[in-house]
Protein backbone atom coordinates (compact mmCIF):
# COMPACT_ATOMS: atom_id res chain seq x y z
CA MET A 1 -20.99 -23.91 2.26
CA ALA A 2 -18.99 -25.06 4.85
CA VAL A 3 -15.37 -24.32 5.27
CA SER A 4 -12.71 -25.85 7.17
CA VAL A 5 -9.57 -24.83 8.33
CA LYS A 6 -6.83 -27.22 10.19
CA THR A 7 -3.95 -25.65 12.23
CA ARG A 8 -1.44 -27.85 14.13
CA TRP A 9 0.83 -25.95 16.77
CA LEU A 10 4.37 -26.17 15.68
CA ASP A 11 6.24 -25.36 18.68
CA ASN A 12 6.38 -22.33 21.26
CA MET A 13 3.74 -19.21 19.63
CA GLY A 14 4.09 -21.00 16.47
CA PHE A 15 1.11 -22.45 14.53
CA ILE A 16 0.88 -23.62 10.85
CA SER A 17 -2.68 -23.60 9.45
CA GLU A 18 -3.91 -25.51 6.07
CA ILE A 19 -6.70 -23.44 4.18
CA ASP A 20 -7.53 -25.27 0.78
CA GLY A 21 -3.96 -27.14 0.88
CA HIS A 22 -2.18 -23.86 1.24
CA HIS A 23 -0.29 -23.38 4.27
CA ILE A 24 0.24 -20.05 6.68
CA LYS A 25 2.67 -20.34 9.21
CA LEU A 26 1.61 -18.05 12.17
CA ASP A 27 3.86 -16.50 15.22
CA LEU A 28 3.96 -14.00 17.83
CA SER A 29 7.32 -11.92 17.72
CA ARG A 30 10.26 -11.96 19.41
CA GLU A 31 8.95 -8.86 21.64
CA ASN A 32 6.10 -10.97 22.67
CA GLY A 33 7.20 -15.05 22.96
CA GLY A 34 7.68 -16.15 19.15
CA ASP A 35 9.93 -16.28 16.96
CA ASP A 36 8.72 -14.52 14.04
CA ARG A 37 8.06 -16.64 11.73
CA GLY A 38 4.99 -15.52 10.54
CA PRO A 39 2.00 -12.92 10.81
CA ARG A 40 0.01 -12.39 13.98
CA PRO A 41 -3.45 -13.60 13.42
CA LYS A 42 -5.20 -10.84 14.34
CA ALA A 43 -3.40 -8.23 11.29
CA LEU A 44 -5.00 -11.00 9.24
CA LEU A 45 -7.87 -10.36 9.13
CA LEU A 46 -6.79 -6.81 7.19
CA THR A 47 -5.24 -9.10 4.71
CA ALA A 48 -9.06 -11.24 4.58
CA ILE A 49 -10.16 -7.53 3.53
CA HIS A 50 -7.82 -6.93 1.18
CA GLY A 51 -8.29 -9.92 -0.44
CA CYS A 52 -12.39 -10.09 -0.38
CA SER A 53 -13.11 -6.29 -1.13
CA GLY A 54 -9.94 -6.47 -3.85
CA MET A 55 -11.53 -9.34 -5.97
CA ASP A 56 -14.69 -7.55 -5.75
CA VAL A 57 -13.12 -4.54 -6.88
CA VAL A 58 -11.16 -5.86 -9.82
CA THR A 59 -14.30 -8.47 -10.71
CA ILE A 60 -16.89 -4.77 -10.61
CA LEU A 61 -14.48 -2.92 -12.48
CA LYS A 62 -13.64 -5.66 -15.30
CA LYS A 63 -17.14 -6.05 -15.84
CA MET A 64 -17.86 -2.54 -16.39
CA ARG A 65 -14.43 -2.67 -18.99
CA VAL A 66 -12.02 -0.60 -16.59
CA THR A 67 -8.98 -0.82 -17.84
CA GLY A 68 -5.28 0.37 -17.39
CA PHE A 69 -4.94 0.98 -13.87
CA SER A 70 -2.75 -0.15 -11.08
CA PHE A 71 -4.76 -1.10 -7.59
CA ASP A 72 -3.17 -1.36 -4.15
CA MET A 73 -4.94 -1.26 -1.05
CA GLU A 74 -3.40 -0.52 2.50
CA THR A 75 -5.66 -0.75 6.01
CA GLU A 76 -4.44 0.49 9.50
CA ALA A 77 -6.16 -0.60 12.35
CA GLU A 78 -6.22 0.39 16.47
CA SER A 79 -7.08 -1.89 19.24
CA THR A 80 -8.27 -1.41 22.47
CA ARG A 81 -5.83 -1.03 25.03
CA GLU A 82 -7.95 -3.49 27.63
CA HIS A 83 -8.61 -7.30 27.12
CA PRO A 84 -9.32 -8.72 24.38
CA LYS A 85 -7.48 -6.38 22.23
CA ALA A 86 -9.74 -6.35 19.45
CA TYR A 87 -9.79 -3.75 16.95
CA HIS A 88 -12.08 -0.96 17.36
CA THR A 89 -11.29 1.23 14.36
CA ILE A 90 -10.59 0.05 10.93
CA ARG A 91 -9.48 2.60 7.94
CA VAL A 92 -9.36 0.81 4.41
CA SER A 93 -7.71 2.81 1.71
CA TYR A 94 -8.11 1.68 -2.18
CA ILE A 95 -5.42 3.29 -3.74
CA PHE A 96 -5.97 3.48 -7.49
CA THR A 97 -3.00 4.92 -10.12
CA GLY A 98 -3.11 5.00 -14.25
CA ASN A 99 -4.66 7.49 -16.61
CA ASN A 100 -8.58 8.37 -17.97
CA ILE A 101 -9.52 6.06 -14.43
CA PRO A 102 -13.11 6.94 -14.20
CA GLU A 103 -13.78 8.57 -10.92
CA ASP A 104 -17.42 7.44 -10.37
CA LYS A 105 -16.99 3.86 -11.57
CA VAL A 106 -14.15 3.58 -9.37
CA VAL A 107 -16.44 4.56 -6.34
CA LYS A 108 -19.23 2.15 -7.25
CA ALA A 109 -17.30 -0.55 -7.64
CA VAL A 110 -16.20 0.01 -3.75
CA LYS A 111 -19.19 0.95 -2.45
CA LEU A 112 -20.81 -2.10 -4.04
CA SER A 113 -18.05 -4.01 -1.97
CA VAL A 114 -17.99 -3.01 1.30
CA GLU A 115 -21.71 -2.11 1.49
CA GLN A 116 -22.95 -5.51 -0.43
CA TYR A 117 -21.29 -8.24 -1.31
CA CYS A 118 -17.63 -8.32 1.36
CA GLY A 119 -18.01 -10.87 3.92
CA VAL A 120 -15.00 -10.45 5.36
CA ILE A 121 -16.52 -6.43 5.67
CA ALA A 122 -20.05 -7.68 6.65
CA MET A 123 -18.60 -9.42 9.96
CA LEU A 124 -15.69 -6.94 10.69
CA SER A 125 -18.14 -4.15 10.68
CA LYS A 126 -20.56 -5.76 13.58
CA ALA A 127 -17.51 -5.24 16.09
CA ALA A 128 -15.58 -2.40 14.89
CA ARG A 129 -15.96 0.98 13.05
CA MET A 130 -15.26 1.04 9.86
CA GLU A 131 -13.84 4.22 7.42
CA TYR A 132 -13.24 3.62 3.60
CA TYR A 133 -10.84 6.29 1.53
CA ILE A 134 -10.41 6.16 -2.19
CA ILE A 135 -7.35 7.86 -3.77
CA ILE A 136 -6.86 7.98 -7.45
CA ASN A 137 -3.84 9.63 -8.36
CA ASP A 138 -2.99 10.97 -4.76
CA LYS A 139 -6.20 12.62 -5.15
CA GLU A 140 -8.58 11.67 -2.26
CA VAL A 141 -12.21 10.98 -3.65
CA THR A 142 -15.04 11.41 -1.73
CA LEU A 143 -17.04 7.57 -1.37
C-alpha cells in the first residue's frame, strides 16, 4: 500500500504537509532562521515512534485484557555533530502508572512492538542505536 504526502512551501523556512487530510506545519526555530510555526522535521521521527509503538502496545495490552493504567512515552535522541546531522542514539521510555499493572504483560507488549510490529522502529533501527526502557509506577523494569 503506497502512502502519499503532499508538502507546500509557505515562506521563509515554513512548510505545510498534508497527510490523509491532516495538516502539519514544519518550520525551523528562530535561532536557525525560521519563524517557529511548527515542529522540526527530524523531531517528527520521534513522534512517529510514539504513534507506531504506542498504538502497538495499547492494542496488545487490550488483547491481554490489561486495563486501569495510564501510559506515556518519552524519547530522547542524540545527533551526530557533522552534517548530515542524523540521530545516532534514540532512547524510548514506556511509562505506565496505575494499580496492579502486570509487569510480565507490559514487557511482552513492548517487546512485541519493538521487535516485531512497529515499522517506524524497524526503519530507524537500521540507522541509529535504539534503547528501550519500561517504567511502571516510577520503577524501571527490565525489557
